[in-house]
Protein backbone atom coordinates (compact mmCIF):
# COMPACT_ATOMS: atom_id res chain seq x y z
CA UNK A 1 51.75 -13.12 -5.33
CA UNK A 2 54.98 -13.35 -3.35
CA UNK A 3 56.53 -16.81 -3.27
CA UNK A 4 59.14 -18.61 -1.19
CA UNK A 5 60.93 -21.65 -2.62
CA UNK A 6 62.58 -23.99 -0.12
CA UNK A 7 65.04 -26.60 -1.41
CA UNK A 8 67.72 -28.83 0.14
CA UNK A 9 70.26 -27.40 -2.33
CA UNK A 10 70.34 -24.03 -4.08
CA UNK A 11 72.94 -23.02 -6.66
CA UNK A 12 72.82 -19.21 -6.83
CA UNK A 13 75.48 -18.93 -9.59
CA UNK A 14 77.44 -16.36 -7.61
CA UNK A 15 81.04 -15.71 -8.76
CA UNK A 16 82.34 -18.39 -6.36
CA UNK A 17 79.74 -20.92 -7.61
CA UNK A 18 78.57 -21.55 -4.07
CA UNK A 19 76.31 -24.42 -3.13
CA UNK A 20 73.79 -23.58 -0.40
CA UNK A 21 72.33 -26.31 1.79
CA UNK A 22 68.78 -26.07 3.17
CA UNK A 23 68.17 -22.74 1.45
CA UNK A 24 65.31 -20.55 0.36
CA UNK A 25 64.68 -18.22 -2.57
CA UNK A 26 62.13 -15.42 -2.19
CA UNK A 27 60.27 -13.86 -5.13
CA UNK A 28 58.13 -10.74 -4.95
CA UNK A 29 54.87 -10.10 -6.78
CA UNK A 30 56.71 -8.44 -9.68
CA UNK A 31 58.67 -11.61 -10.44
CA UNK A 32 61.98 -10.36 -9.01
CA UNK A 33 64.20 -12.08 -6.47
CA UNK A 34 64.36 -10.53 -3.01
CA UNK A 35 66.42 -13.10 -1.08
CA UNK A 36 68.57 -16.16 -1.70
CA UNK A 37 70.34 -17.82 1.19
CA UNK A 38 70.23 -20.36 4.01
CA UNK A 39 66.80 -20.96 5.47
CA UNK A 40 68.18 -20.11 8.91
CA UNK A 41 69.00 -16.57 7.72
CA UNK A 42 65.81 -15.96 5.74
CA UNK A 43 63.63 -13.01 6.70
CA UNK A 44 60.19 -13.48 8.18
CA UNK A 45 57.71 -14.05 5.38
CA UNK A 46 54.01 -14.65 4.82
CA UNK A 47 54.60 -15.68 1.20
CA UNK A 48 53.25 -18.88 -0.27
CA UNK A 49 55.87 -21.58 0.33
CA UNK A 50 56.78 -24.14 -2.34
CA UNK A 51 58.88 -27.00 -0.95
CA UNK A 52 61.05 -28.74 -3.54
CA UNK A 53 63.25 -31.80 -3.58
CA UNK A 54 66.68 -31.76 -5.15
CA UNK A 55 68.33 -28.65 -6.60
CA UNK A 56 67.04 -25.15 -7.34
CA UNK A 57 69.15 -23.07 -9.72
CA UNK A 58 68.88 -20.15 -12.15
CA UNK A 59 67.58 -20.69 -15.64
CA UNK A 60 70.27 -21.29 -18.24
CA UNK A 61 71.10 -18.54 -20.74
CA UNK A 62 71.57 -19.55 -24.40
CA UNK A 63 73.68 -16.75 -25.86
CA UNK A 64 73.32 -17.69 -29.54
CA UNK A 65 70.50 -19.55 -31.27
CA UNK A 66 68.38 -19.71 -34.40
CA UNK A 67 65.60 -21.71 -32.75
CA UNK A 68 62.96 -21.52 -35.52
CA UNK A 69 65.29 -23.85 -37.42
CA UNK A 70 63.62 -26.75 -35.62
CA UNK A 71 61.83 -26.88 -38.99
CA UNK A 72 65.13 -27.75 -40.70
CA UNK A 73 66.56 -30.15 -38.15
CA UNK A 74 68.60 -32.94 -39.75
CA UNK A 75 69.17 -31.23 -43.10
CA UNK A 76 72.73 -31.57 -44.38
CA UNK A 77 74.11 -33.21 -41.29
CA UNK A 78 77.36 -34.17 -43.01
CA UNK A 79 78.14 -31.01 -44.98
CA UNK A 80 80.64 -28.26 -43.98
CA UNK A 81 79.39 -24.82 -42.96
CA UNK A 82 79.53 -22.76 -46.14
CA UNK A 83 78.11 -25.51 -48.36
CA UNK A 84 75.48 -26.25 -45.70
CA UNK A 85 74.35 -22.61 -45.73
CA UNK A 86 74.45 -21.96 -49.46
CA UNK A 87 73.17 -25.28 -50.80
CA UNK A 88 70.69 -26.39 -48.15
CA UNK A 89 69.68 -23.93 -45.46
CA UNK A 90 69.26 -20.63 -47.27
CA UNK A 91 67.24 -22.19 -50.14
CA UNK A 92 64.93 -23.86 -47.61
CA UNK A 93 64.57 -20.65 -45.59
CA UNK A 94 63.60 -18.78 -48.75
CA UNK A 95 60.42 -20.90 -48.81
CA UNK A 96 59.43 -20.01 -45.26
CA UNK A 97 56.34 -17.98 -44.51
CA UNK A 98 56.16 -15.75 -41.43
CA UNK A 99 53.79 -18.16 -39.71
CA UNK A 100 56.32 -20.95 -40.25
CA UNK A 101 58.84 -19.04 -38.16
CA UNK A 102 56.31 -18.86 -35.33
CA UNK A 103 55.69 -22.61 -35.58
CA UNK A 104 59.40 -23.39 -35.47
CA UNK A 105 60.00 -21.05 -32.56
CA UNK A 106 57.11 -22.45 -30.55
CA UNK A 107 58.73 -25.87 -30.62
CA UNK A 108 62.20 -24.41 -30.04
CA UNK A 109 61.06 -22.43 -27.02
CA UNK A 110 59.24 -25.42 -25.53
CA UNK A 111 62.31 -27.59 -26.12
CA UNK A 112 64.58 -25.12 -24.37
CA UNK A 113 62.26 -24.54 -21.43
CA UNK A 114 61.94 -28.28 -20.85
CA UNK A 115 65.75 -28.34 -20.63
CA UNK A 116 65.88 -25.47 -18.15
CA UNK A 117 66.95 -22.84 -20.71
CA UNK A 118 64.88 -19.79 -19.80
CA UNK A 119 66.60 -17.20 -22.02
CA UNK A 120 67.84 -17.38 -25.60
CA UNK A 121 69.47 -14.81 -27.88
CA UNK A 122 67.80 -15.34 -31.24
CA UNK A 123 69.07 -14.14 -34.63
CA UNK A 124 66.54 -14.81 -37.38
CA UNK A 125 63.95 -13.38 -39.77
CA UNK A 126 60.35 -12.42 -38.96
CA UNK A 127 61.21 -11.74 -35.35
CA UNK A 128 57.67 -10.50 -34.67
CA UNK A 129 56.66 -14.14 -35.01
CA UNK A 130 59.43 -15.20 -32.62
CA UNK A 131 58.28 -12.66 -30.05
CA UNK A 132 54.71 -13.93 -30.31
CA UNK A 133 55.89 -17.52 -29.86
CA UNK A 134 57.99 -16.70 -26.80
CA UNK A 135 55.16 -14.76 -25.19
CA UNK A 136 52.98 -17.83 -25.79
CA UNK A 137 55.36 -20.35 -24.20
CA UNK A 138 56.42 -18.03 -21.38
CA UNK A 139 60.12 -18.11 -22.21
CA UNK A 140 62.49 -15.17 -22.54
CA UNK A 141 64.31 -14.04 -25.70
CA UNK A 142 66.68 -11.34 -26.91
CA UNK A 143 65.88 -10.80 -30.57
CA UNK A 144 68.34 -9.83 -33.28
CA UNK A 145 66.35 -9.48 -36.52
CA UNK A 146 68.64 -10.57 -39.35
CA UNK A 147 70.22 -7.84 -41.46
CA UNK A 148 71.92 -9.06 -44.66
CA UNK A 149 73.02 -7.65 -48.00
CA UNK A 150 71.81 -10.03 -50.70
CA UNK A 151 70.24 -9.52 -54.14
CA UNK A 152 66.78 -10.29 -52.74
CA UNK A 153 67.33 -8.45 -49.42
CA UNK A 154 67.61 -4.73 -48.77
CA UNK A 155 69.68 -4.21 -45.64
CA UNK A 156 68.60 -0.60 -45.35
CA UNK A 157 64.95 -1.62 -45.24
CA UNK A 158 65.73 -4.32 -42.69
CA UNK A 159 67.59 -1.81 -40.51
CA UNK A 160 64.78 0.72 -40.77
CA UNK A 161 62.26 -1.94 -39.71
CA UNK A 162 64.27 -2.71 -36.57
CA UNK A 163 64.47 0.98 -35.73
CA UNK A 164 60.71 1.44 -36.12
CA UNK A 165 60.00 -1.57 -33.91
CA UNK A 166 62.29 -0.42 -31.10
CA UNK A 167 61.04 3.16 -31.32
CA UNK A 168 57.45 1.92 -31.12
CA UNK A 169 57.61 -0.84 -28.48
CA UNK A 170 60.82 0.01 -26.62
CA UNK A 171 63.82 -2.23 -26.02
CA UNK A 172 61.94 -4.56 -23.65
CA UNK A 173 58.30 -5.51 -23.45
CA UNK A 174 55.90 -8.24 -22.41
CA UNK A 175 55.14 -9.71 -18.97
CA UNK A 176 58.37 -9.89 -16.99
CA UNK A 177 60.13 -8.05 -19.84
CA UNK A 178 60.28 -11.35 -21.66
CA UNK A 179 61.29 -9.87 -25.01
CA UNK A 180 64.27 -7.61 -25.70
CA UNK A 181 64.79 -6.09 -29.14
CA UNK A 182 68.17 -5.61 -30.78
CA UNK A 183 70.02 -6.01 -34.07
CA UNK A 184 71.24 -9.10 -35.94
CA UNK A 185 73.72 -8.16 -38.68
CA UNK A 186 74.60 -11.61 -39.95
CA UNK A 187 78.36 -11.19 -40.38
CA UNK A 188 81.11 -9.06 -41.86
CA UNK A 189 80.90 -11.08 -45.09
CA UNK A 190 77.14 -10.54 -45.46
CA UNK A 191 77.21 -6.76 -44.97
CA UNK A 192 79.42 -4.01 -46.37
CA UNK A 193 81.39 -1.81 -43.97
CA UNK A 194 78.80 0.88 -44.72
CA UNK A 195 76.04 -1.44 -43.56
CA UNK A 196 77.94 -2.51 -40.46
CA UNK A 197 78.60 1.11 -39.54
CA UNK A 198 74.94 2.01 -39.96
CA UNK A 199 73.93 -0.83 -37.64
CA UNK A 200 76.51 0.25 -35.07
CA UNK A 201 75.26 3.84 -35.07
CA UNK A 202 71.61 2.82 -34.85
CA UNK A 203 72.20 0.36 -32.01
CA UNK A 204 74.36 2.83 -30.07
CA UNK A 205 71.66 5.48 -30.30
CA UNK A 206 69.18 3.07 -28.71
CA UNK A 207 71.42 1.20 -26.27
CA UNK A 208 70.54 -2.06 -28.01
CA UNK A 209 72.36 -5.37 -28.20
CA UNK A 210 74.03 -6.39 -31.47
CA UNK A 211 74.36 -10.10 -32.26
CA UNK A 212 76.80 -10.97 -35.05
CA UNK A 213 78.65 -14.05 -36.35
CA UNK A 214 82.41 -13.53 -36.12
CA UNK A 215 85.22 -15.65 -37.60
CA UNK A 216 83.26 -18.89 -37.50
CA UNK A 217 84.86 -20.72 -40.43
CA UNK A 218 88.48 -20.38 -41.49
CA UNK A 219 87.57 -19.56 -45.10
CA UNK A 220 84.54 -17.30 -44.65
CA UNK A 221 86.12 -13.85 -44.12
CA UNK A 222 89.19 -13.94 -46.35
CA UNK A 223 88.45 -10.68 -48.15
CA UNK A 224 87.65 -8.85 -44.93
CA UNK A 225 90.79 -10.14 -43.23
CA UNK A 226 92.93 -9.14 -46.20
CA UNK A 227 91.58 -5.59 -46.19
CA UNK A 228 91.30 -4.97 -42.45
CA UNK A 229 93.65 -7.43 -40.75
CA UNK A 230 90.91 -9.33 -38.95
CA UNK A 231 87.14 -9.39 -38.57
CA UNK A 232 87.25 -7.91 -35.03
CA UNK A 233 89.49 -5.13 -36.35
CA UNK A 234 86.93 -4.35 -39.06
CA UNK A 235 84.07 -4.38 -36.54
CA UNK A 236 86.02 -2.02 -34.33
CA UNK A 237 86.71 0.35 -37.23
CA UNK A 238 82.99 0.72 -37.92
CA UNK A 239 82.07 1.12 -34.26
CA UNK A 240 80.36 -2.22 -33.71
CA UNK A 241 82.51 -3.07 -30.69
CA UNK A 242 81.80 0.21 -28.93
CA UNK A 243 78.36 -0.75 -27.61
CA UNK A 244 76.63 -3.93 -26.42
CA UNK A 245 77.87 -6.61 -28.80
CA UNK A 246 77.99 -10.39 -28.58
CA UNK A 247 80.25 -12.17 -31.09
CA UNK A 248 78.92 -15.62 -31.94
CA UNK A 249 81.43 -18.45 -32.47
CA UNK A 250 84.55 -16.22 -32.66
CA UNK A 251 86.78 -19.22 -33.34
CA UNK A 252 89.58 -17.90 -35.54
CA UNK A 253 90.90 -15.07 -33.36
CA UNK A 254 94.43 -13.78 -32.88
CA UNK A 255 95.88 -12.58 -29.60
CA UNK A 256 95.25 -9.02 -30.79
CA UNK A 257 91.59 -9.86 -31.50
CA UNK A 258 91.14 -11.28 -28.00
CA UNK A 259 92.75 -8.19 -26.47
CA UNK A 260 90.41 -6.01 -28.55
CA UNK A 261 87.32 -7.87 -27.31
CA UNK A 262 88.55 -7.46 -23.73
CA UNK A 263 89.26 -3.74 -24.16
CA UNK A 264 85.86 -3.04 -25.75
CA UNK A 265 83.79 -5.21 -23.42
CA UNK A 266 82.57 -7.40 -26.27
CA UNK A 267 80.79 -10.60 -25.21
CA UNK A 268 81.44 -13.97 -26.83
CA UNK A 269 78.91 -16.73 -27.48
CA UNK A 270 80.76 -20.05 -27.44
CA UNK A 271 78.98 -22.78 -29.46
CA UNK A 272 81.18 -25.88 -29.07
CA UNK A 273 78.63 -28.41 -30.33
CA UNK A 274 77.87 -26.65 -33.59
CA UNK A 275 81.53 -25.73 -34.08
CA UNK A 276 82.55 -29.37 -33.72
CA UNK A 277 79.76 -30.77 -35.90
CA UNK A 278 80.59 -28.39 -38.75
CA UNK A 279 84.34 -28.82 -38.23
CA UNK A 280 84.66 -25.06 -37.83
CA UNK A 281 87.30 -25.33 -35.10
CA UNK A 282 87.74 -24.98 -31.35
CA UNK A 283 87.39 -21.46 -29.96
CA UNK A 284 90.16 -20.11 -27.74
CA UNK A 285 87.94 -20.00 -24.68
CA UNK A 286 90.78 -20.40 -22.19
CA UNK A 287 92.57 -17.36 -23.59
CA UNK A 288 89.36 -15.35 -23.89
CA UNK A 289 88.44 -15.98 -20.27
CA UNK A 290 91.97 -15.24 -19.09
CA UNK A 291 91.81 -11.89 -20.89
CA UNK A 292 88.59 -11.01 -19.09
CA UNK A 293 86.20 -11.43 -22.02
CA UNK A 294 82.64 -12.23 -20.94
CA UNK A 295 81.95 -15.69 -22.36
CA UNK A 296 78.59 -17.44 -22.50
CA UNK A 297 77.42 -20.67 -24.08
CA UNK A 298 75.24 -21.01 -27.15
CA UNK A 299 73.66 -23.90 -28.99
CA UNK A 300 73.51 -22.25 -32.41
CA UNK A 301 70.54 -23.50 -34.44
CA UNK A 302 68.84 -26.88 -34.08
CA UNK A 303 69.77 -27.62 -37.69
CA UNK A 304 73.50 -27.28 -37.03
CA UNK A 305 73.73 -28.79 -33.55
CA UNK A 306 71.09 -30.63 -33.88
CA UNK A 307 69.34 -29.74 -30.66
CA UNK A 308 69.04 -26.74 -28.36
CA UNK A 309 69.95 -28.43 -25.10
CA UNK A 310 72.47 -26.12 -23.46
CA UNK A 311 73.49 -28.83 -20.99
CA UNK A 312 75.37 -30.52 -23.83
CA UNK A 313 77.36 -27.33 -24.39
CA UNK A 314 78.00 -27.27 -20.62
CA UNK A 315 79.80 -30.58 -21.05
CA UNK A 316 81.44 -29.97 -24.41
CA UNK A 317 82.92 -26.60 -23.49
CA UNK A 318 85.23 -27.91 -20.75
CA UNK A 319 85.98 -31.10 -22.68
CA UNK A 320 87.17 -29.23 -25.76
CA UNK A 321 89.02 -26.63 -23.69
CA UNK A 322 90.90 -29.40 -21.91
CA UNK A 323 91.74 -31.09 -25.19
CA UNK A 324 92.89 -27.84 -26.78
CA UNK A 325 95.17 -26.92 -23.89
CA UNK A 326 96.18 -30.36 -22.63
CA UNK A 327 95.20 -29.15 -19.17
CA UNK A 328 92.46 -31.00 -17.27
CA UNK A 329 92.08 -28.03 -14.91
CA UNK A 330 91.62 -25.30 -17.51
CA UNK A 331 87.82 -25.39 -17.11
CA UNK A 332 86.08 -27.03 -14.16
CA UNK A 333 82.46 -28.09 -13.71
CA UNK A 334 81.91 -24.90 -11.73
CA UNK A 335 83.41 -22.81 -14.53
CA UNK A 336 81.13 -24.44 -17.08
CA UNK A 337 78.05 -23.97 -14.90
CA UNK A 338 78.80 -20.26 -14.57
CA UNK A 339 79.30 -19.90 -18.35
CA UNK A 340 75.77 -21.22 -18.84
CA UNK A 341 74.22 -18.92 -16.25
CA UNK A 342 75.91 -15.79 -14.91
CA UNK A 343 78.49 -15.69 -17.72
CA UNK A 344 75.87 -15.90 -20.45
CA UNK A 345 73.91 -13.02 -18.93
CA UNK A 346 77.08 -10.92 -18.71
CA UNK A 347 78.02 -11.69 -22.33
CA UNK A 348 74.61 -10.34 -23.37
CA UNK A 349 74.94 -7.26 -21.20
CA UNK A 350 72.14 -8.35 -18.87
CA UNK A 351 72.79 -7.99 -15.14
CA UNK A 352 69.18 -8.94 -14.33
CA UNK A 353 69.43 -12.58 -15.45
CA UNK A 354 71.57 -15.66 -14.90
CA UNK A 355 71.91 -15.71 -11.10
CA UNK A 356 69.80 -15.93 -7.95
CA UNK A 357 70.46 -12.49 -6.49
CA UNK A 358 68.08 -9.81 -5.18
CA UNK A 359 66.86 -7.57 -7.98
CA UNK A 360 67.29 -10.12 -10.76
CA UNK A 361 64.37 -11.80 -12.47
CA UNK A 362 63.16 -15.00 -10.83
CA UNK A 363 64.00 -17.39 -13.68
CA UNK A 364 64.27 -20.66 -11.76
CA UNK A 365 64.89 -24.31 -12.57
CA UNK A 366 64.14 -27.27 -10.30
CA UNK A 367 66.19 -30.43 -10.86
CA UNK A 368 65.04 -33.52 -9.00
CA UNK A 369 67.37 -36.34 -7.99
CA UNK A 370 65.47 -39.40 -9.21
CA UNK A 371 68.23 -40.47 -11.56
CA UNK A 372 71.29 -42.78 -11.45
CA UNK A 373 73.45 -39.65 -11.77
CA UNK A 374 72.41 -38.75 -8.23
CA UNK A 375 72.44 -42.27 -6.77
CA UNK A 376 74.93 -41.14 -4.10
CA UNK A 377 72.37 -38.58 -2.92
CA UNK A 378 72.85 -35.10 -1.54
CA UNK A 379 75.10 -36.09 1.33
CA UNK A 380 78.29 -35.83 -0.73
CA UNK A 381 80.89 -33.05 -0.94
CA UNK A 382 79.71 -29.93 -2.76
CA UNK A 383 82.18 -30.45 -5.61
CA UNK A 384 80.91 -33.99 -6.18
CA UNK A 385 77.26 -32.93 -6.25
CA UNK A 386 78.02 -30.18 -8.77
CA UNK A 387 80.05 -32.63 -10.86
CA UNK A 388 77.14 -35.07 -10.87
CA UNK A 389 74.83 -32.32 -12.08
CA UNK A 390 77.14 -31.02 -14.81
CA UNK A 391 78.90 -34.16 -16.06
CA UNK A 392 76.29 -36.85 -15.49
CA UNK A 393 72.72 -35.60 -15.15
CA UNK A 394 72.44 -32.83 -17.70
CA UNK A 395 68.89 -31.88 -18.63
CA UNK A 396 67.31 -35.26 -17.86
CA UNK A 397 65.94 -34.32 -14.47
CA UNK A 398 64.72 -30.78 -15.10
CA UNK A 399 61.20 -31.00 -13.70
CA UNK A 400 59.89 -27.46 -13.12
CA UNK A 401 60.72 -24.04 -14.56
CA UNK A 402 59.63 -20.53 -13.63
CA UNK A 403 60.20 -17.36 -15.66
CA UNK A 404 59.76 -14.04 -13.87
CA UNK A 405 58.26 -16.05 -11.02
CA UNK A 406 55.60 -17.69 -13.21
CA UNK A 407 55.67 -21.45 -13.64
CA UNK A 408 55.88 -22.43 -17.31
CA UNK A 409 57.05 -26.07 -17.02
CA UNK A 410 55.67 -28.61 -14.58
CA UNK A 411 56.74 -32.24 -14.29
CA UNK A 412 58.86 -31.81 -17.40
CA UNK A 413 56.14 -30.51 -19.71
CA UNK A 414 55.04 -27.09 -20.89
CA UNK A 415 52.13 -25.70 -18.92
CA UNK A 416 51.21 -23.29 -21.72
CA UNK A 417 51.57 -25.15 -25.01
CA UNK A 418 50.36 -28.51 -26.28
CA UNK A 419 53.73 -29.97 -27.30
CA UNK A 420 52.22 -32.81 -29.38
CA UNK A 421 50.17 -30.33 -31.39
CA UNK A 422 53.19 -28.10 -32.01
CA UNK A 423 55.32 -31.07 -33.06
CA UNK A 424 52.64 -32.10 -35.56
CA UNK A 425 52.63 -28.56 -36.99
CA UNK A 426 56.41 -28.64 -37.34
CA UNK A 427 56.26 -31.98 -39.15
CA UNK A 428 53.67 -30.66 -41.62
CA UNK A 429 55.61 -27.45 -42.27
CA UNK A 430 58.94 -29.22 -42.64
CA UNK A 431 57.46 -31.54 -45.26
CA UNK A 432 56.35 -28.53 -47.30
CA UNK A 433 59.77 -26.89 -47.05
CA UNK A 434 61.43 -30.07 -48.31
CA UNK A 435 59.09 -30.32 -51.28
């Protein structure tokens, strides 16, 4: 049915990061937005009215995650990236069964939804299980099934499997188009140029998103940099930057790399928490944004972060940008909020998510004000209220969440999944993987 949401404050995530007072958001019976604006300017409506306290805003967009890794949370917390992958994570993942991936994703999706993250871009194995989990929780995911060249993995078979899935089910499916299919070539050091080119051609033929790790650690791509000048240059040579591509991490970039991303329309998934924890470096977000690169925020996996709460990245991104540049104005609270919403959708090539505008999906988050962060109330300047939300409150007061107009979180808990039961399943599975 059609719905009208009435709230004292609405953050539409428009380019100016406006804050609307006494505003309404209208949703039609397909789950799309039809109006967002002041109540005084709202059209006549017979829709069911939901009156909310506090703030109504778009769902956050997590542009890079490996959420089934809730099963591996806490493993190797004090080990650098390449050792962490080779010695701990990949051996544990080799023991995973397909149903384990579903279990891990169920908890990951519930965790994100409870934090107001309605969309995540997932790169992992057994993505059929991830799709099933997301359709169960009611979240939204863009899937990049992992494609890697290893002795026990055939990248050609992995690529062919992705092609069959897209050709059978289409790029998007599920209620509210909750699942989008794409490609997840792990990195330039885990695939040959031949493999990367094959992925690029396949994705271009289908208009699909490619998710790929780029220049995350200083020592990971030495051979590729020596042969091609840089990882972005290699990706451009094989055609991977010609279509919809989001580069995860993208820390160790030159000025020429940044200009190349801007020229090709490549998105960037900035993961400041994971980058800091693994000592991978601080991405050049200020320069990327200045060049016009679409930048979104990502959590990375819950084993490298160690959570999937995008609000923490909302805070870390401006903090690290300010430290890196010595400029306290280089990224404001409004800038960070837009990276987590509108910017994330743009980085993924999705103009139907990330903002409260007619025609976009009604992915909504209600934040109540019963928290010391909002002790000064709503009757403060707009900039102060937004600062309290971004810098102080974070995810604590996310109370209700809707995806495609359907409520999936109420009073801070999933309305579709028994969280305690899922957590118990994760604990049992994790114990087996450790054994």
